[in-house]
Structures are given as C-alpha cells and as structure tokens.
Amino acid sequence: MITTIIFDIGNVLADFAWEAYYRSFGYEEEMFRRVGKATVLSPMWNEYDRGVMSDEEILQGFIDGDPEIEEEIRRAVRYIGPMVTRNDYAIPWIRELQGKGYRCLYLSNFSERGHRECAEALDFIPYMDGGILSYQERLIKPMPEIYQLLIDRYGLVPEECVFMDDTLRNLEAAEKFGIHTIHFLNKEQAVEELRKLG
C-alpha cells in the first residue's frame, strides 16, 4: 500500500513552461529547441547554481554544448530570472492527495537560484509534509546518499513510497532503495499510474 508520495519539483510540481519562456525571445521552433537542449535540457543544468561550479563555468558548459548559438545562449541565461512557470494545479493536487491520507514530500535538484527567482511559483512548498532540496544538503540526485537521507529523516518505508520524477536516472536510483516510481509526463498520466499502484 502506498502511503507517501515523493515529488520532484522542477519539472513535476513547478512544471516549467520552457517553451513559452524561449518563445518570448521570438525564437522560431528550431532555435528555441536548440537553446533549450543546450541549457535546461543539458547535463550542465543539474549543476546550475548549486555551489558545485561558478556561474561562468556553467554558462561556458552551456555554450560548449552548441557553440554556434553562443549569443542566443548568453541572452537566454541572462534573462532566466523572469522565466515562465505555472503551478496552478500543484496546491489543489497536494491537498487532494493529503485528503486521501497520503503524505506528500519533495526530493528535488531545484537550485538555490531557481528557488529565489521562482519563490512565488513555489508557494506550494509550505503545504507539503516536508522534503529535501539538493542545494541545502550539498547532495544531488541521483546520488544514493540523498535518497537515504530522505528515508532516514522521515522514517520512510520504501515499499510504501512512490517517487514522481521526469528523469529516468533519478527514478532508477530510487528503485534501488525499493521505492516505487512514476516517470512523470503530465498530471493525468501520473494520477492514473498512482491509481494502479493502489
């Protein structure tokens, strides 16, 4: 029986509308996809402002991913602050799940910078039953230590937990601890998979 739902924040609850953000620059589809692939969809994004690398090192990593569009990457990163987010379903969904008796936790690589810049969009965090943000612990998914810390801190029974994340390697790491997983694509799909888990 599932008693605890663990959420990623960045692409599950906060559900960043990257496409809308990049389109705000007037990019055509090919260009916004290239810029997105070089930045938020790149491995470097997981290091973004976590104290692991400097901002300049991270920016250079983005540029190295697609040097032909350096100016577009620099422009996108410069204005990342006003990025578009939407979480209109997050608080009602959390309340609905808690009303059904689920404990709702978060385990996320959401960065300190992202937390500052998206404070309003992340107003669902106080409604949750706790969780871990990687920058606060200096641990990053899929490091095994961050999953063990969550289990220990909240006294979790892994077999009674389900973890929703959009990144397969993070889910695979959780599965090694016996945690059920849902590869999050959208809310409707996640709700259906949760229903099947019971």
Protein backbone atom coordinates (compact mmCIF):
# COMPACT_ATOMS: atom_id res chain seq x y z
CA MET A 1 0.00 0.00 0.00
CA ILE A 2 1.32 3.44 -0.93
CA THR A 3 1.33 5.89 1.98
CA THR A 4 3.86 8.51 0.81
CA ILE A 5 4.24 10.37 -2.47
CA ILE A 6 7.60 11.98 -3.17
CA PHE A 7 7.69 14.68 -5.84
CA ASP A 8 10.42 16.21 -7.90
CA ILE A 9 9.81 19.97 -8.00
CA GLY A 10 11.35 21.40 -11.17
CA ASN A 11 9.52 19.54 -13.91
CA VAL A 12 6.72 17.94 -11.92
CA LEU A 13 5.15 20.40 -9.47
CA ALA A 14 6.60 23.66 -10.74
CA ASP A 15 6.20 22.36 -14.32
CA PHE A 16 8.37 24.95 -16.07
CA ALA A 17 6.93 26.25 -19.31
CA TRP A 18 10.30 26.39 -21.05
CA GLU A 19 8.73 26.56 -24.47
CA ALA A 20 6.79 29.68 -23.54
CA TYR A 21 9.92 31.20 -21.99
CA TYR A 22 12.09 30.70 -25.04
CA ARG A 23 9.34 31.71 -27.45
CA SER A 24 9.20 35.02 -25.57
CA PHE A 25 12.58 35.75 -27.18
CA GLY A 26 10.96 35.44 -30.60
CA TYR A 27 12.79 32.23 -31.44
CA GLU A 28 11.47 30.03 -34.19
CA GLU A 29 10.86 26.40 -33.21
CA GLU A 30 14.25 25.11 -34.35
CA MET A 31 16.13 27.80 -32.42
CA PHE A 32 14.18 27.53 -29.16
CA ARG A 33 14.71 23.77 -29.23
CA ARG A 34 18.45 24.24 -29.77
CA VAL A 35 18.73 26.76 -26.95
CA GLY A 36 16.68 24.54 -24.64
CA LYS A 37 18.77 21.49 -25.46
CA ALA A 38 21.98 23.42 -24.75
CA THR A 39 20.72 24.82 -21.43
CA VAL A 40 17.82 23.41 -19.39
CA LEU A 41 17.92 20.01 -21.10
CA SER A 42 21.69 19.63 -20.81
CA PRO A 43 23.57 17.73 -18.08
CA MET A 44 25.07 21.08 -17.02
CA TRP A 45 21.63 22.23 -15.85
CA ASN A 46 21.83 19.88 -12.86
CA GLU A 47 24.84 21.87 -11.66
CA TYR A 48 23.16 25.24 -12.14
CA ASP A 49 23.94 27.43 -9.12
CA ARG A 50 24.48 24.64 -6.59
CA GLY A 51 27.90 25.83 -5.49
CA VAL A 52 29.47 22.99 -7.48
CA MET A 53 30.55 25.27 -10.31
CA SER A 54 30.66 29.01 -10.84
CA ASP A 55 28.04 30.74 -12.97
CA GLU A 56 30.66 31.43 -15.64
CA GLU A 57 31.74 27.77 -15.73
CA ILE A 58 28.14 26.67 -16.10
CA LEU A 59 27.45 29.23 -18.82
CA GLN A 60 30.56 28.04 -20.67
CA GLY A 61 29.30 24.48 -20.34
CA PHE A 62 26.03 25.52 -21.99
CA ILE A 63 27.94 27.25 -24.79
CA ASP A 64 30.21 24.23 -25.29
CA GLY A 65 27.07 22.19 -25.93
CA ASP A 66 26.29 24.27 -29.04
CA PRO A 67 28.96 26.93 -29.71
CA GLU A 68 27.28 28.06 -32.94
CA ILE A 69 24.48 29.72 -30.94
CA GLU A 70 26.61 31.27 -28.19
CA GLU A 71 24.88 34.66 -28.34
CA GLU A 72 21.41 33.13 -28.07
CA ILE A 73 22.51 31.01 -25.09
CA ARG A 74 24.03 34.03 -23.35
CA ARG A 75 20.83 36.02 -23.90
CA ALA A 76 18.59 33.23 -22.61
CA VAL A 77 20.69 32.70 -19.46
CA ARG A 78 20.92 36.45 -18.82
CA TYR A 79 17.15 36.69 -18.61
CA ILE A 80 16.44 33.38 -16.90
CA GLY A 81 15.05 35.30 -13.89
CA PRO A 82 11.67 36.10 -15.43
CA MET A 83 11.20 32.57 -16.75
CA VAL A 84 7.61 31.48 -17.06
CA THR A 85 6.30 28.94 -14.58
CA ARG A 86 2.90 27.59 -13.81
CA ASN A 87 1.76 25.64 -10.79
CA ASP A 88 -1.97 26.27 -10.88
CA TYR A 89 -2.67 22.61 -10.17
CA ALA A 90 0.05 21.99 -7.56
CA ILE A 91 -1.64 23.15 -4.34
CA PRO A 92 -5.08 21.65 -5.13
CA TRP A 93 -3.41 18.36 -6.11
CA ILE A 94 -1.33 18.26 -2.92
CA ARG A 95 -4.40 18.99 -0.80
CA GLU A 96 -6.40 16.35 -2.65
CA LEU A 97 -3.72 13.70 -2.05
CA GLN A 98 -3.34 14.64 1.61
CA GLY A 99 -7.12 14.46 1.96
CA LYS A 100 -6.89 10.86 0.77
CA GLY A 101 -4.35 10.14 3.52
CA TYR A 102 -1.13 10.39 1.52
CA ARG A 103 1.95 12.04 2.96
CA CYS A 104 3.43 14.43 0.35
CA LEU A 105 7.20 15.04 0.34
CA TYR A 106 9.61 16.57 -2.16
CA LEU A 107 13.06 15.47 -3.26
CA SER A 108 14.43 17.85 -5.83
CA ASN A 109 17.54 19.17 -7.51
CA PHE A 110 15.83 22.55 -7.65
CA SER A 111 18.58 25.13 -7.27
CA GLU A 112 19.01 27.94 -4.77
CA ARG A 113 18.88 30.46 -7.61
CA GLY A 114 15.77 28.84 -9.02
CA HIS A 115 14.17 28.88 -5.57
CA ARG A 116 14.85 32.60 -5.18
CA GLU A 117 13.68 33.53 -8.64
CA CYS A 118 10.56 31.38 -8.54
CA ALA A 119 9.55 31.96 -4.91
CA GLU A 120 6.02 32.89 -5.84
CA ALA A 121 5.61 29.92 -8.13
CA LEU A 122 6.92 27.63 -5.38
CA ASP A 123 4.35 28.72 -2.82
CA PHE A 124 3.11 25.14 -2.68
CA ILE A 125 6.15 24.02 -0.62
CA PRO A 126 4.66 25.14 2.75
CA TYR A 127 1.62 22.96 2.03
CA MET A 128 3.73 19.82 1.81
CA ASP A 129 4.73 17.48 4.63
CA GLY A 130 8.45 18.09 4.20
CA GLY A 131 11.24 17.17 1.85
CA ILE A 132 14.79 17.80 0.70
CA LEU A 133 16.24 20.33 -1.74
CA SER A 134 19.64 19.28 -3.02
CA TYR A 135 21.35 22.65 -2.64
CA GLN A 136 20.57 22.70 1.08
CA GLU A 137 22.22 19.32 1.65
CA ARG A 138 25.01 19.58 -0.95
CA LEU A 139 23.75 16.35 -2.46
CA ILE A 140 22.32 15.92 -5.95
CA LYS A 141 20.06 13.25 -7.40
CA PRO A 142 20.82 10.53 -8.40
CA MET A 143 23.45 10.29 -5.64
CA PRO A 144 22.32 7.42 -3.37
CA GLU A 145 23.02 9.49 -0.26
CA ILE A 146 20.16 11.88 -0.96
CA TYR A 147 17.61 9.06 -1.13
CA GLN A 148 18.96 7.50 2.06
CA LEU A 149 18.80 10.89 3.80
CA LEU A 150 15.14 11.29 2.83
CA ILE A 151 14.31 7.78 4.08
CA ASP A 152 16.12 8.32 7.38
CA ARG A 153 14.87 11.86 8.00
CA TYR A 154 11.21 10.99 7.52
CA GLY A 155 11.23 7.40 8.73
CA LEU A 156 10.02 6.11 5.37
CA VAL A 157 9.23 2.53 4.47
CA PRO A 158 10.50 2.49 0.87
CA GLU A 159 7.96 -0.10 -0.30
CA GLU A 160 5.17 2.25 0.81
CA CYS A 161 6.54 5.21 -1.19
CA VAL A 162 6.24 6.31 -4.79
CA PHE A 163 8.60 8.86 -6.35
CA MET A 164 7.50 11.01 -9.30
CA ASP A 165 10.27 12.48 -11.42
CA ASP A 166 10.73 13.31 -15.10
CA THR A 167 14.30 11.95 -15.21
CA LEU A 168 14.82 8.21 -15.61
CA ARG A 169 18.23 8.05 -13.91
CA ASN A 170 16.74 9.60 -10.77
CA LEU A 171 13.92 7.06 -10.79
CA GLU A 172 16.35 4.18 -11.30
CA ALA A 173 18.33 5.31 -8.26
CA ALA A 174 15.15 5.42 -6.15
CA GLU A 175 14.15 1.93 -7.30
CA LYS A 176 17.41 0.56 -5.87
CA PHE A 177 16.06 1.51 -2.44
CA GLY A 178 12.79 -0.33 -3.11
CA ILE A 179 10.82 2.85 -3.81
CA HIS A 180 8.06 2.63 -6.44
CA THR A 181 8.45 5.16 -9.24
CA ILE A 182 6.37 7.04 -11.79
CA HIS A 183 8.04 8.58 -14.82
CA PHE A 184 6.13 11.86 -14.84
CA LEU A 185 4.89 13.10 -18.21
CA ASN A 186 1.81 15.02 -17.09
CA LYS A 187 -0.59 15.11 -14.18
CA GLU A 188 -3.27 12.95 -15.79
CA GLN A 189 -0.81 10.16 -16.59
CA ALA A 190 0.69 10.34 -13.08
CA VAL A 191 -2.74 10.15 -11.43
CA GLU A 192 -3.61 7.06 -13.47
CA GLU A 193 -0.33 5.33 -12.61
CA LEU A 194 -0.77 6.17 -8.94
CA ARG A 195 -4.26 4.68 -9.05
CA LYS A 196 -2.83 1.44 -10.46
CA LEU A 197 -0.30 1.25 -7.63
CA GLY A 198 -3.14 1.43 -5.11
